[in-house]
Amino acid sequence: MILTILCGALPSLGNLFAQGGLQTGEVDIIKQFNARLADAERFLFAPQLPPLDTFAKKQAYAIANRPLNVQYLPPRILPKTLQNEPKDPIYNGYARVGAGFPKAILVEGSYDLVNKEGLDVGFDLRHLSMNNEGKVENQRFADNDIGLHAGFHSDQGFSVSGNLNYSRDFLHFYGYTDLGDDFASELTYNAEDVKQRFSLFSGNVKLYNNQRTAGGIDYAASLDFYTMEDLYASREGGMDLVLKGTKWFEDRHPLTIQLETDFSGYRDSTKQSLNNFFLTPTYSYHGDRFRVKVGLNLANFDDEFTFYPILEASLNVVDNLVTAFAGTEGGLQKNNFRALTEYNPYLTSRPKLKNTFYSHYYGGIKGEYRGVQYRAQVGYKDVKNLALFLTNGDSIPRFNVLYDTGGIFSITAELRTQLIEGLELNGRFTQNFFSLDREEKPWHLPSLALNVGAAYSGIIDNLTFKSELFFQNGVPTLAFDGNPKNLNTLLDLNLGADYQFSDNIGAFVQVNNVLNNRYQRWQHYPMIGLNAVAGITARF
């Protein structure tokens, strides 16, 4: 059988070796030959077969180098396959105008003059006034603010921002209407005789990097400045320069050095100045479940240095449910004319200005559980030159500032949650316990405060309800006979609603002091009772 196969294959092999080459690149393959081509290796051991030449290998390469020219059409992407989320419209302007009682006017708005990539310029303004003279003589006020802001963001890795603001606020010393039996006869004054006006011009400029530098360094420099005066020739100016640099290690451990120079000068018949310097280096280490921050606040005032250690540690006890923290910090807090009158606008025009020196030690827990974000903290603060307030005893009551040293033990708790879809709730509780060296009470400083707020937007589309409840204990003060007493308790309920008729036009209503509480935050100065403002809003 083998001999028969060999005899049949020899003529074919002879024809194969007789070819001088493949001129056309085509090969006729005999089916019977293909059936035995896999067994060709066996014939190498047969003595009657001639050796194979290498031309067969070239033949194989010639066949492989003739690829088929197949044309592939590019895929066609249909637009309907892309599902883009709708974008909220961007508005350059916003306005809110309303009126109400008692003789209330509200006007506020903002507009972006330039709003493009890398540059934004805009302004904002606000006016709010009320006049309750129908019930309390000269109980009226007016707040006026206008500001210009700008920002430049370079693709070179830095940004510059700044703003200029001017405010002109009016109020009246109507406390004489509450003196009661302290004076033999009922007092009355013209509005101009009890008028006060605060004019404030302020600004800020800031330079900072908007991209991490090659060396892993962030930098920032800011300058705040202001000048202000009241209607009784009291003037004050200030400047606060802050230089800050942060070096990041492994993109999570920052080393920060901050230098601050805070100057302010007050002038009426005399001059007073508060010039503070601060050097604050800190380092933070972030572990997987803990964070530690250490540093020092070196403060200088009147050529005297004070060192305040900075230490804060936090530990994630249960994954995002419970985080424990504790720390200490300290520094100087300015009681300049601007800060004091922002806290108590019925201040005398020539107060004594001092720094408050404090050291704060605190600890607590924070976290989130089933959508409820919470924070609870206890702390103790050593305070030197704590600002207290008492009336001057005049027929037009105004407040003097006096200072004391002591300690404050505090308990605070905060929470924020979304109870159901569309209903958000937040609250804050604060309890302070004062221990003073000289004064019997912390005059006009609250010890207990509770704030609760809620917003609901699930009943009707484009309609939002808001409510706020403020509770505060009656602050301690001195009666006309010199004995201590507490003013009445604050219980203030505010309700509001906003409705959007279209993308551009809406309406609002705000009702304040629904319970008509006649609380006195400052002795002899009762709050305005029930009041409301309603109006329209526009976006353009």
Foldseek 3Di string as FASTA:
>chain_A
DVVVVVVVCVVVVVVVVVDPDDPPLDDDDDPVVVVCVVVVVVCVPPVVDDDDDCVVVVSVVSNVPDDDPDDDDDDDDDPVVDDDDDDDDDFQKKWWWWAWPPGKTKTKMKGWPDDDPFKTKIKIWIKIKYDPCVVANQAIKMKIKIKIKMKGADPVFKIKIKMKMKIKMKGFLRLLQQLPPLDPDRDDDDNVVGMKIKIKIKMKMKMWTPDQDPQQKTWMKMKIKMWMDMPQQKIKIKMKIKTKMWHDDPNAKIWMWMWMWIKMWIDDPDIDIWIKIWIKIKIWDDDPFKIKMWIWIWMDTPNDTDIWIWIKMWGNPDPQAKIKMWIKTWDKDWPDPVVVCVVPVLADSDADTDIKTKMKTKIWMWGDDPFKTKTKMKMKMWIFFDWAWAWPLDSSTGIYIDGWTWMKIKIKMKMWGAPDVFKIKIKMWMAIDIDTDPDPFRHLDWGIKIKIKMKGQPPDHQKIKIKMWIWTQFGWYARSVGHIDGWHIDTKIKIKMKGDPDSFKIKMKIWIQPVQDQGDSDNSDTDGGIMMMITMMGTD
